[in-house]
PDB file of N, CA and C in Angstrom:
ATOM      1  N   UNK A   1     -42.734 140.750 -76.362  1.00  0.00           N
ATOM      2  CA  UNK A   1     -44.670 140.332 -75.960  1.00  0.00           C
ATOM      3  C   UNK A   1     -44.588 139.520 -74.314  1.00  0.00           C
ATOM      4  N   UNK A   2     -43.702 137.963 -74.477  1.00  0.00           N
ATOM      5  CA  UNK A   2     -44.018 137.278 -73.784  1.00  0.00           C
ATOM      6  C   UNK A   2     -42.920 137.043 -72.444  1.00  0.00           C
ATOM      7  N   UNK A   3     -42.232 138.415 -72.331  1.00  0.00           N
ATOM      8  CA  UNK A   3     -41.502 139.049 -71.212  1.00  0.00           C
ATOM      9  C   UNK A   3     -40.458 137.394 -70.826  1.00  0.00           C
ATOM     10  N   UNK A   4     -39.895 137.219 -71.996  1.00  0.00           N
ATOM     11  CA  UNK A   4     -39.308 135.352 -71.841  1.00  0.00           C
ATOM     12  C   UNK A   4     -38.200 136.239 -72.733  1.00  0.00           C
ATOM     13  N   UNK A   5     -36.470 136.023 -72.219  1.00  0.00           N
ATOM     14  CA  UNK A   5     -35.033 136.121 -73.036  1.00  0.00           C
ATOM     15  C   UNK A   5     -35.154 135.236 -73.576  1.00  0.00           C
ATOM     16  N   UNK A   6     -33.938 135.124 -74.324  1.00  0.00           N
ATOM     17  CA  UNK A   6     -33.510 133.972 -75.373  1.00  0.00           C
ATOM     18  C   UNK A   6     -33.201 132.865 -74.180  1.00  0.00           C
ATOM     19  N   UNK A   7     -32.512 133.071 -73.143  1.00  0.00           N
ATOM     20  CA  UNK A   7     -31.910 131.956 -71.911  1.00  0.00           C
ATOM     21  C   UNK A   7     -33.367 131.267 -71.970  1.00  0.00           C
ATOM     22  N   UNK A   8     -34.408 131.944 -71.388  1.00  0.00           N
ATOM     23  CA  UNK A   8     -35.674 131.185 -71.049  1.00  0.00           C
ATOM     24  C   UNK A   8     -36.394 130.316 -72.130  1.00  0.00           C
ATOM     25  N   UNK A   9     -36.425 130.712 -73.679  1.00  0.00           N
ATOM     26  CA  UNK A   9     -36.807 130.288 -74.331  1.00  0.00           C
ATOM     27  C   UNK A   9     -36.100 128.579 -74.608  1.00  0.00           C
ATOM     28  N   UNK A  10     -34.774 129.111 -74.457  1.00  0.00           N
ATOM     29  CA  UNK A  10     -33.809 128.032 -75.194  1.00  0.00           C
ATOM     30  C   UNK A  10     -34.063 126.492 -74.063  1.00  0.00           C
ATOM     31  N   UNK A  11     -34.115 127.361 -72.667  1.00  0.00           N
ATOM     32  CA  UNK A  11     -34.160 126.598 -71.582  1.00  0.00           C
ATOM     33  C   UNK A  11     -35.518 125.363 -71.681  1.00  0.00           C
ATOM     34  N   UNK A  12     -36.542 126.228 -72.334  1.00  0.00           N
ATOM     35  CA  UNK A  12     -37.740 125.783 -71.928  1.00  0.00           C
ATOM     36  C   UNK A  12     -38.091 124.923 -72.933  1.00  0.00           C
ATOM     37  N   UNK A  13     -36.949 125.006 -73.955  1.00  0.00           N
ATOM     38  CA  UNK A  13     -36.605 123.575 -75.690  1.00  0.00           C
ATOM     39  C   UNK A  13     -35.737 123.130 -75.584  1.00  0.00           C
ATOM     40  N   UNK A  14     -34.733 122.997 -74.487  1.00  0.00           N
ATOM     41  CA  UNK A  14     -33.719 121.954 -74.248  1.00  0.00           C
ATOM     42  C   UNK A  14     -32.688 122.746 -75.234  1.00  0.00           C
ATOM     43  N   UNK A  15     -32.404 123.550 -75.813  1.00  0.00           N
ATOM     44  CA  UNK A  15     -31.597 123.634 -76.122  1.00  0.00           C
ATOM     45  C   UNK A  15     -30.424 124.853 -76.107  1.00  0.00           C
ATOM     46  N   UNK A  16     -29.771 124.642 -76.207  1.00  0.00           N
ATOM     47  CA  UNK A  16     -28.472 126.210 -75.617  1.00  0.00           C
ATOM     48  C   UNK A  16     -28.767 127.589 -76.373  1.00  0.00           C
ATOM     49  N   UNK A  17     -28.775 128.574 -75.311  1.00  0.00           N
ATOM     50  CA  UNK A  17     -28.893 130.052 -75.983  1.00  0.00           C
ATOM     51  C   UNK A  17     -27.985 130.476 -77.165  1.00  0.00           C
ATOM     52  N   UNK A  18     -26.916 129.614 -77.935  1.00  0.00           N
ATOM     53  CA  UNK A  18     -25.980 130.135 -78.564  1.00  0.00           C
ATOM     54  C   UNK A  18     -26.771 129.160 -79.493  1.00  0.00           C
ATOM     55  N   UNK A  19     -27.197 128.639 -79.171  1.00  0.00           N
ATOM     56  CA  UNK A  19     -28.034 127.721 -80.905  1.00  0.00           C
ATOM     57  C   UNK A  19     -29.506 128.097 -81.374  1.00  0.00           C
ATOM     58  N   UNK A  20     -30.071 129.060 -80.508  1.00  0.00           N
ATOM     59  CA  UNK A  20     -30.800 129.855 -80.194  1.00  0.00           C
ATOM     60  C   UNK A  20     -31.042 131.046 -81.480  1.00  0.00           C
ATOM     61  N   UNK A  21     -29.825 131.695 -80.559  1.00  0.00           N
ATOM     62  CA  UNK A  21     -29.452 132.845 -81.583  1.00  0.00           C
ATOM     63  C   UNK A  21     -28.841 132.777 -82.602  1.00  0.00           C
ATOM     64  N   UNK A  22     -28.275 131.553 -82.962  1.00  0.00           N
ATOM     65  CA  UNK A  22     -27.962 131.169 -84.067  1.00  0.00           C
ATOM     66  C   UNK A  22     -29.433 131.085 -85.173  1.00  0.00           C
ATOM     67  N   UNK A  23     -30.015 130.315 -84.442  1.00  0.00           N
ATOM     68  CA  UNK A  23     -31.660 130.113 -85.138  1.00  0.00           C
ATOM     69  C   UNK A  23     -31.999 131.503 -85.726  1.00  0.00           C
ATOM     70  N   UNK A  24     -31.641 132.129 -84.674  1.00  0.00           N
ATOM     71  CA  UNK A  24     -32.600 133.351 -84.813  1.00  0.00           C
ATOM     72  C   UNK A  24     -32.141 134.535 -86.091  1.00  0.00           C
ATOM     73  N   UNK A  25     -30.472 134.531 -86.061  1.00  0.00           N
ATOM     74  CA  UNK A  25     -29.607 135.039 -86.864  1.00  0.00           C
ATOM     75  C   UNK A  25     -29.724 134.349 -88.530  1.00  0.00           C
ATOM     76  N   UNK A  26     -30.049 133.023 -88.371  1.00  0.00           N
ATOM     77  CA  UNK A  26     -29.802 132.299 -89.584  1.00  0.00           C
ATOM     78  C   UNK A  26     -28.976 131.657 -89.712  1.00  0.00           C
ATOM     79  N   UNK A  27     -28.006 131.400 -89.041  1.00  0.00           N
ATOM     80  CA  UNK A  27     -27.053 130.719 -89.392  1.00  0.00           C
ATOM     81  C   UNK A  27     -26.988 129.280 -89.808  1.00  0.00           C
ATOM     82  N   UNK A  28     -27.376 128.605 -88.669  1.00  0.00           N
ATOM     83  CA  UNK A  28     -27.385 127.046 -89.344  1.00  0.00           C
ATOM     84  C   UNK A  28     -28.767 126.646 -90.318  1.00  0.00           C
ATOM     85  N   UNK A  29     -28.806 125.590 -90.189  1.00  0.00           N
ATOM     86  CA  UNK A  29     -30.353 124.862 -90.838  1.00  0.00           C
ATOM     87  C   UNK A  29     -30.398 123.960 -89.967  1.00  0.00           C
ATOM     88  N   UNK A  30     -31.469 124.547 -88.976  1.00  0.00           N
ATOM     89  CA  UNK A  30     -31.698 123.540 -88.238  1.00  0.00           C
ATOM     90  C   UNK A  30     -32.635 122.340 -88.278  1.00  0.00           C
ATOM     91  N   UNK A  31     -32.206 121.525 -87.385  1.00  0.00           N
ATOM     92  CA  UNK A  31     -32.716 120.413 -87.489  1.00  0.00           C
ATOM     93  C   UNK A  31     -34.545 120.022 -87.043  1.00  0.00           C
ATOM     94  N   UNK A  32     -35.076 119.394 -87.379  1.00  0.00           N
ATOM     95  CA  UNK A  32     -36.469 119.736 -87.632  1.00  0.00           C
ATOM     96  C   UNK A  32     -36.799 119.548 -86.136  1.00  0.00           C
ATOM     97  N   UNK A  33     -36.659 118.491 -85.291  1.00  0.00           N
ATOM     98  CA  UNK A  33     -36.487 118.166 -83.697  1.00  0.00           C
ATOM     99  C   UNK A  33     -36.591 119.262 -83.079  1.00  0.00           C
ATOM    100  N   UNK A  34     -35.195 120.135 -83.306  1.00  0.00           N
ATOM    101  CA  UNK A  34     -34.972 121.305 -82.760  1.00  0.00           C
ATOM    102  C   UNK A  34     -36.214 122.556 -82.949  1.00  0.00           C
ATOM    103  N   UNK A  35     -36.870 122.195 -84.566  1.00  0.00           N
ATOM    104  CA  UNK A  35     -37.767 123.235 -84.205  1.00  0.00           C
ATOM    105  C   UNK A  35     -39.088 123.315 -83.878  1.00  0.00           C
ATOM    106  N   UNK A  36     -39.393 121.575 -83.921  1.00  0.00           N
ATOM    107  CA  UNK A  36     -40.569 120.966 -82.863  1.00  0.00           C
ATOM    108  C   UNK A  36     -40.198 121.473 -81.573  1.00  0.00           C
ATOM    109  N   UNK A  37     -39.110 120.973 -80.962  1.00  0.00           N
ATOM    110  CA  UNK A  37     -39.129 121.826 -79.930  1.00  0.00           C
ATOM    111  C   UNK A  37     -39.102 123.533 -79.219  1.00  0.00           C
ATOM    112  N   UNK A  38     -38.867 123.859 -80.135  1.00  0.00           N
ATOM    113  CA  UNK A  38     -38.804 125.202 -79.907  1.00  0.00           C
ATOM    114  C   UNK A  38     -40.643 125.843 -79.870  1.00  0.00           C
ATOM    115  N   UNK A  39     -41.813 125.065 -80.696  1.00  0.00           N
ATOM    116  CA  UNK A  39     -42.843 124.988 -81.551  1.00  0.00           C
ATOM    117  C   UNK A  39     -43.413 124.443 -79.874  1.00  0.00           C
ATOM    118  N   UNK A  40     -43.167 123.799 -79.535  1.00  0.00           N
ATOM    119  CA  UNK A  40     -43.620 123.117 -78.251  1.00  0.00           C
ATOM    120  C   UNK A  40     -43.267 123.945 -77.302  1.00  0.00           C
ATOM    121  N   UNK A  41     -42.561 124.119 -77.144  1.00  0.00           N
ATOM    122  CA  UNK A  41     -41.894 125.781 -76.048  1.00  0.00           C
ATOM    123  C   UNK A  41     -42.996 126.821 -76.245  1.00  0.00           C
ATOM    124  N   UNK A  42     -43.080 127.161 -77.027  1.00  0.00           N
ATOM    125  CA  UNK A  42     -43.918 128.399 -77.384  1.00  0.00           C
ATOM    126  C   UNK A  42     -45.436 128.436 -77.210  1.00  0.00           C
ATOM    127  N   UNK A  43     -46.098 127.592 -77.512  1.00  0.00           N
ATOM    128  CA  UNK A  43     -47.026 126.798 -77.467  1.00  0.00           C
ATOM    129  C   UNK A  43     -47.638 126.773 -75.939  1.00  0.00           C
ATOM    130  N   UNK A  44     -46.710 126.170 -74.989  1.00  0.00           N
ATOM    131  CA  UNK A  44     -46.376 125.856 -74.037  1.00  0.00           C
ATOM    132  C   UNK A  44     -46.985 127.311 -73.257  1.00  0.00           C
ATOM    133  N   UNK A  45     -46.486 128.152 -73.478  1.00  0.00           N
ATOM    134  CA  UNK A  45     -46.367 129.638 -72.737  1.00  0.00           C
ATOM    135  C   UNK A  45     -47.828 130.886 -73.319  1.00  0.00           C
ATOM    136  N   UNK A  46     -48.671 129.957 -74.184  1.00  0.00           N
ATOM    137  CA  UNK A  46     -49.376 130.735 -74.749  1.00  0.00           C
ATOM    138  C   UNK A  46     -49.255 130.740 -76.549  1.00  0.00           C
ATOM    139  N   UNK A  47     -48.391 131.081 -76.857  1.00  0.00           N
ATOM    140  CA  UNK A  47     -48.033 131.553 -78.562  1.00  0.00           C
ATOM    141  C   UNK A  47     -48.799 130.374 -79.548  1.00  0.00           C
ATOM    142  N   UNK A  48     -49.807 130.710 -80.288  1.00  0.00           N
ATOM    143  CA  UNK A  48     -51.348 130.234 -81.059  1.00  0.00           C
ATOM    144  C   UNK A  48     -49.903 129.798 -82.556  1.00  0.00           C
ATOM    145  N   UNK A  49     -49.538 128.821 -82.913  1.00  0.00           N
ATOM    146  CA  UNK A  49     -48.797 128.805 -84.021  1.00  0.00           C
ATOM    147  C   UNK A  49     -49.530 127.924 -85.312  1.00  0.00           C
ATOM    148  N   UNK A  50     -49.537 128.694 -86.135  1.00  0.00           N
ATOM    149  CA  UNK A  50     -50.422 127.685 -87.160  1.00  0.00           C
ATOM    150  C   UNK A  50     -49.988 127.228 -87.431  1.00  0.00           C
ATOM    151  N   UNK A  51     -50.316 125.745 -88.452  1.00  0.00           N
ATOM    152  CA  UNK A  51     -49.233 124.644 -88.745  1.00  0.00           C
ATOM    153  C   UNK A  51     -49.289 125.315 -90.346  1.00  0.00           C
TER     154      UNK A  51
END
């Protein structure tokens, strides 16, 4: 929907593409700081995320 790849989002959030892929597959238990970075990155491109 946003026209972004995993690589684009990972770069914007400052994490690796592999890390993002693992999070999407539910493999690790990501740190709160990683989730905040993803939230911030998505908000920067216009995604509204409820609290």
